[in-house]
């Protein structure tokens, strides 16, 4: 399995009034890391590039919120592909390699005209994933109900970036 890692610094605008990194900023950095990996893998790809990735679903476990000024490392790695779906996991570590966040995500591949597009085997093979990794379940259910806090995260049209990612 090929992990892709980037280093980030938690800036003031990434934080709330308590200097804890906001969930929205964590999502932005994780998506940035995924885009960077995609760009790195696609630079020598000669196949069809007429597609977009959009995030469809997240399952996030936050162990600790990084603080303002802290260096964090984000690892991302593909865990599977099925029809239109790509599964990708993320881990956020602090400078001492302590795990701060674990996330599983499900992505959809869309064509340039925004129709679902089946993921080609050539594209899936670029990500060097191992079959059998844990992926986000189809219908996520809170099985243990032991969450201290849960929050609905609304996606707005203004959240779409220049790569047409949400």
Foldseek 3Di string as FASTA:
>chain_A
DDKFKDKDAAAPVQADPVQFGDPVSVVVVQVVSVVVLLCVLCPPPPDDPQKAKEWDDKDKDFPATDGHGWMKMKIKAWADFDFQKTKMKIWIATPVRDTGMIMITIMGMAGNVGHGGTDDPSSVVSRVHDHPDDHDDPDDDDDPPPDPDDDDDDDDPVNQDPRRYD
